[in-house]
Amino acid sequence: HPSLQLAVVGIDSLAKTQFLKHFPNENRVRVFGYLPAAEVSQWFQISTITVCLYPEGVTTRRTTLMAPLSHGNAVIANLGFLSERDLWEKSPILFCSPKAQSIESAVGKVLGDPALQRSMMSLNKEFYLKHFSVSIAVERLIGG
């Protein structure tokens, strides 16, 4: 799809090389390690889909997952032994295995269905605001 901008977080340089072999338009795929928060925000603002891959699975402790949710990206991720399954089972995140074929299939599913993509983007932002926004965090901390 010509408007695709794909952000991939959570993989190292070797995995990046292997991952990019499956996507012919590498100039539209961004795989990055540490970046300052403002720069990360800029990437998520122009990204259509964010893929979050972690050996231990996605968790709420991963800012590289929370950031695309807060920006309203369509998010594709993998579950693992550290994932908070009860929370993620309620989320609009599309889960796949961390294998290239599964990732390709998930990305293709979202790209092939613009209504699904728009829905995921909207629902992810709502999910973030409902569960992780500053006001929710403060409320939980003070016991409100």
C-alpha atoms as a PDB file:
ATOM      1  CA  HIS A   1       0.000   0.000   0.000  1.00  0.00           C
ATOM      2  CA  PRO A   2       1.534   3.324  -1.049  1.00  0.00           C
ATOM      3  CA  SER A   3       0.672   5.230   2.148  1.00  0.00           C
ATOM      4  CA  LEU A   4       2.090   2.616   4.529  1.00  0.00           C
ATOM      5  CA  GLN A   5       4.568   3.797   7.104  1.00  0.00           C
ATOM      6  CA  LEU A   6       5.473   0.898   9.387  1.00  0.00           C
ATOM      7  CA  ALA A   7       7.294   1.330  12.695  1.00  0.00           C
ATOM      8  CA  VAL A   8       8.894  -1.735  14.260  1.00  0.00           C
ATOM      9  CA  VAL A   9      10.098  -1.639  17.846  1.00  0.00           C
ATOM     10  CA  GLY A  10      11.718  -4.117  20.172  1.00  0.00           C
ATOM     11  CA  ILE A  11      14.044  -5.957  17.810  1.00  0.00           C
ATOM     12  CA  ASP A  12      17.826  -5.820  17.555  1.00  0.00           C
ATOM     13  CA  SER A  13      19.908  -5.139  14.436  1.00  0.00           C
ATOM     14  CA  LEU A  14      20.246  -8.823  13.457  1.00  0.00           C
ATOM     15  CA  ALA A  15      16.505  -9.365  13.761  1.00  0.00           C
ATOM     16  CA  LYS A  16      15.977  -6.119  11.831  1.00  0.00           C
ATOM     17  CA  THR A  17      17.981  -7.457   8.887  1.00  0.00           C
ATOM     18  CA  GLN A  18      15.980 -10.687   8.879  1.00  0.00           C
ATOM     19  CA  PHE A  19      12.680  -8.842   9.291  1.00  0.00           C
ATOM     20  CA  LEU A  20      13.305  -6.383   6.446  1.00  0.00           C
ATOM     21  CA  LYS A  21      13.933  -9.226   3.983  1.00  0.00           C
ATOM     22  CA  HIS A  22      10.175  -9.818   4.086  1.00  0.00           C
ATOM     23  CA  PHE A  23       9.260  -6.227   3.234  1.00  0.00           C
ATOM     24  CA  PRO A  24      10.438  -5.013  -0.180  1.00  0.00           C
ATOM     25  CA  ASN A  25       9.776  -1.307   0.460  1.00  0.00           C
ATOM     26  CA  GLU A  26      12.332  -0.883   3.232  1.00  0.00           C
ATOM     27  CA  ASN A  27      12.260   2.908   2.923  1.00  0.00           C
ATOM     28  CA  ARG A  28       8.772   2.886   4.433  1.00  0.00           C
ATOM     29  CA  VAL A  29       9.685   0.581   7.319  1.00  0.00           C
ATOM     30  CA  ARG A  30      11.358   2.152  10.344  1.00  0.00           C
ATOM     31  CA  VAL A  31      13.116  -0.064  12.865  1.00  0.00           C
ATOM     32  CA  PHE A  32      14.738   1.897  15.627  1.00  0.00           C
ATOM     33  CA  GLY A  33      16.419   1.443  18.963  1.00  0.00           C
ATOM     34  CA  TYR A  34      16.746   4.217  21.516  1.00  0.00           C
ATOM     35  CA  LEU A  35      15.503   7.623  20.422  1.00  0.00           C
ATOM     36  CA  PRO A  36      14.598  10.722  22.436  1.00  0.00           C
ATOM     37  CA  ALA A  37      10.897  10.837  23.369  1.00  0.00           C
ATOM     38  CA  ALA A  38      10.095  13.755  21.042  1.00  0.00           C
ATOM     39  CA  GLU A  39      11.593  11.921  18.059  1.00  0.00           C
ATOM     40  CA  VAL A  40       9.753   8.717  18.904  1.00  0.00           C
ATOM     41  CA  SER A  41       6.528  10.708  19.077  1.00  0.00           C
ATOM     42  CA  GLN A  42       7.187  12.157  15.621  1.00  0.00           C
ATOM     43  CA  TRP A  43       7.673   8.667  14.163  1.00  0.00           C
ATOM     44  CA  PHE A  44       4.466   7.403  15.730  1.00  0.00           C
ATOM     45  CA  GLN A  45       2.564  10.418  14.418  1.00  0.00           C
ATOM     46  CA  ILE A  46       3.450   9.492  10.830  1.00  0.00           C
ATOM     47  CA  SER A  47       3.223   5.711  11.272  1.00  0.00           C
ATOM     48  CA  THR A  48       0.189   3.794  10.114  1.00  0.00           C
ATOM     49  CA  ILE A  49       0.979   0.546  11.885  1.00  0.00           C
ATOM     50  CA  THR A  50       3.382  -0.255  14.715  1.00  0.00           C
ATOM     51  CA  VAL A  51       4.729  -3.769  15.218  1.00  0.00           C
ATOM     52  CA  CYS A  52       5.992  -4.467  18.762  1.00  0.00           C
ATOM     53  CA  LEU A  53       7.983  -7.675  19.139  1.00  0.00           C
ATOM     54  CA  TYR A  54       9.577  -8.841  22.372  1.00  0.00           C
ATOM     55  CA  PRO A  55      10.938 -12.280  23.359  1.00  0.00           C
ATOM     56  CA  GLU A  56       9.086 -12.033  26.666  1.00  0.00           C
ATOM     57  CA  GLY A  57       5.937 -10.549  25.090  1.00  0.00           C
ATOM     58  CA  VAL A  58       4.409  -7.097  25.359  1.00  0.00           C
ATOM     59  CA  THR A  59       3.843  -5.599  28.777  1.00  0.00           C
ATOM     60  CA  THR A  60       2.552  -2.330  30.162  1.00  0.00           C
ATOM     61  CA  ARG A  61       6.123  -1.624  31.261  1.00  0.00           C
ATOM     62  CA  ARG A  62       7.181  -1.135  27.632  1.00  0.00           C
ATOM     63  CA  THR A  63       7.020   2.521  26.680  1.00  0.00           C
ATOM     64  CA  THR A  64       7.644   1.405  23.108  1.00  0.00           C
ATOM     65  CA  LEU A  65       4.205  -0.192  23.277  1.00  0.00           C
ATOM     66  CA  MET A  66       2.473   2.529  25.283  1.00  0.00           C
ATOM     67  CA  ALA A  67       3.642   5.269  22.907  1.00  0.00           C
ATOM     68  CA  PRO A  68       1.985   3.914  19.739  1.00  0.00           C
ATOM     69  CA  LEU A  69      -1.181   3.123  21.700  1.00  0.00           C
ATOM     70  CA  SER A  70      -1.308   6.686  22.991  1.00  0.00           C
ATOM     71  CA  HIS A  71      -0.792   7.996  19.450  1.00  0.00           C
ATOM     72  CA  GLY A  72      -3.643   5.887  18.129  1.00  0.00           C
ATOM     73  CA  ASN A  73      -1.551   3.598  15.909  1.00  0.00           C
ATOM     74  CA  ALA A  74      -2.822   0.232  14.767  1.00  0.00           C
ATOM     75  CA  VAL A  75      -0.613  -2.071  16.858  1.00  0.00           C
ATOM     76  CA  ILE A  76       0.495  -5.614  16.091  1.00  0.00           C
ATOM     77  CA  ALA A  77       2.336  -7.394  18.897  1.00  0.00           C
ATOM     78  CA  ASN A  78       3.204 -10.739  20.430  1.00  0.00           C
ATOM     79  CA  LEU A  79       2.250 -12.184  23.793  1.00  0.00           C
ATOM     80  CA  GLY A  80       4.791 -13.890  26.020  1.00  0.00           C
ATOM     81  CA  PHE A  81       5.457 -15.009  29.560  1.00  0.00           C
ATOM     82  CA  LEU A  82       5.553 -11.427  30.926  1.00  0.00           C
ATOM     83  CA  SER A  83       2.381 -10.248  29.177  1.00  0.00           C
ATOM     84  CA  GLU A  84      -0.569  -9.272  31.343  1.00  0.00           C
ATOM     85  CA  ARG A  85      -2.923 -11.611  29.505  1.00  0.00           C
ATOM     86  CA  ASP A  86      -6.099 -10.557  31.323  1.00  0.00           C
ATOM     87  CA  LEU A  87      -5.557  -6.958  30.227  1.00  0.00           C
ATOM     88  CA  TRP A  88      -4.397  -7.731  26.679  1.00  0.00           C
ATOM     89  CA  GLU A  89      -7.313 -10.065  26.042  1.00  0.00           C
ATOM     90  CA  LYS A  90      -9.492  -6.938  26.279  1.00  0.00           C
ATOM     91  CA  SER A  91      -7.298  -4.827  24.032  1.00  0.00           C
ATOM     92  CA  PRO A  92      -7.775  -3.976  20.348  1.00  0.00           C
ATOM     93  CA  ILE A  93      -4.150  -4.957  19.622  1.00  0.00           C
ATOM     94  CA  LEU A  94      -3.759  -7.594  16.903  1.00  0.00           C
ATOM     95  CA  PHE A  95      -1.588 -10.363  18.310  1.00  0.00           C
ATOM     96  CA  CYS A  96       0.631 -12.640  16.245  1.00  0.00           C
ATOM     97  CA  SER A  97       3.640 -14.849  16.778  1.00  0.00           C
ATOM     98  CA  PRO A  98       7.038 -13.142  16.449  1.00  0.00           C
ATOM     99  CA  LYS A  99       7.790 -15.138  13.294  1.00  0.00           C
ATOM    100  CA  ALA A 100       8.104 -13.257   9.996  1.00  0.00           C
ATOM    101  CA  GLN A 101       5.270 -15.116   8.240  1.00  0.00           C
ATOM    102  CA  SER A 102       2.857 -14.384  11.087  1.00  0.00           C
ATOM    103  CA  ILE A 103       3.894 -10.723  11.159  1.00  0.00           C
ATOM    104  CA  GLU A 104       3.485 -10.416   7.387  1.00  0.00           C
ATOM    105  CA  SER A 105       0.055 -11.972   7.622  1.00  0.00           C
ATOM    106  CA  ALA A 106      -1.015  -9.619  10.420  1.00  0.00           C
ATOM    107  CA  VAL A 107       0.302  -6.533   8.612  1.00  0.00           C
ATOM    108  CA  GLY A 108      -1.408  -7.700   5.409  1.00  0.00           C
ATOM    109  CA  LYS A 109      -4.678  -8.193   7.270  1.00  0.00           C
ATOM    110  CA  VAL A 110      -4.621  -4.638   8.634  1.00  0.00           C
ATOM    111  CA  LEU A 111      -3.492  -3.108   5.333  1.00  0.00           C
ATOM    112  CA  GLY A 112      -6.041  -5.088   3.354  1.00  0.00           C
ATOM    113  CA  ASP A 113      -8.931  -3.827   5.435  1.00  0.00           C
ATOM    114  CA  PRO A 114      -8.977  -0.015   5.781  1.00  0.00           C
ATOM    115  CA  ALA A 115     -12.035  -0.205   8.051  1.00  0.00           C
ATOM    116  CA  LEU A 116     -10.163  -2.571  10.398  1.00  0.00           C
ATOM    117  CA  GLN A 117      -7.139  -0.273  10.358  1.00  0.00           C
ATOM    118  CA  ARG A 118      -9.227   2.812  11.230  1.00  0.00           C
ATOM    119  CA  SER A 119     -11.064   0.870  13.917  1.00  0.00           C
ATOM    120  CA  MET A 120      -7.813  -0.383  15.478  1.00  0.00           C
ATOM    121  CA  MET A 121      -6.366   3.113  15.469  1.00  0.00           C
ATOM    122  CA  SER A 122      -9.398   4.595  17.191  1.00  0.00           C
ATOM    123  CA  LEU A 123      -9.871   1.724  19.634  1.00  0.00           C
ATOM    124  CA  ASN A 124      -6.187   1.633  20.599  1.00  0.00           C
ATOM    125  CA  LYS A 125      -6.255   5.298  21.536  1.00  0.00           C
ATOM    126  CA  GLU A 126      -9.466   4.774  23.545  1.00  0.00           C
ATOM    127  CA  PHE A 127      -7.940   1.700  25.218  1.00  0.00           C
ATOM    128  CA  TYR A 128      -4.865   3.694  26.203  1.00  0.00           C
ATOM    129  CA  LEU A 129      -6.920   6.561  27.617  1.00  0.00           C
ATOM    130  CA  LYS A 130      -9.179   4.187  29.563  1.00  0.00           C
ATOM    131  CA  HIS A 131      -6.377   2.132  31.117  1.00  0.00           C
ATOM    132  CA  PHE A 132      -3.130   4.133  31.058  1.00  0.00           C
ATOM    133  CA  SER A 133      -3.732   7.882  30.797  1.00  0.00           C
ATOM    134  CA  VAL A 134      -2.148  10.192  33.371  1.00  0.00           C
ATOM    135  CA  SER A 135      -5.488  10.781  35.079  1.00  0.00           C
ATOM    136  CA  ILE A 136      -6.056   7.024  35.426  1.00  0.00           C
ATOM    137  CA  ALA A 137      -2.513   6.503  36.757  1.00  0.00           C
ATOM    138  CA  VAL A 138      -2.936   9.293  39.332  1.00  0.00           C
ATOM    139  CA  GLU A 139      -6.328   7.913  40.355  1.00  0.00           C
ATOM    140  CA  ARG A 140      -4.784   4.477  40.927  1.00  0.00           C
ATOM    141  CA  LEU A 141      -1.843   5.902  42.865  1.00  0.00           C
ATOM    142  CA  ILE A 142      -3.989   7.889  45.283  1.00  0.00           C
ATOM    143  CA  GLY A 143      -6.531   5.115  45.588  1.00  0.00           C
ATOM    144  CA  GLY A 144      -9.419   7.007  44.041  1.00  0.00           C
END
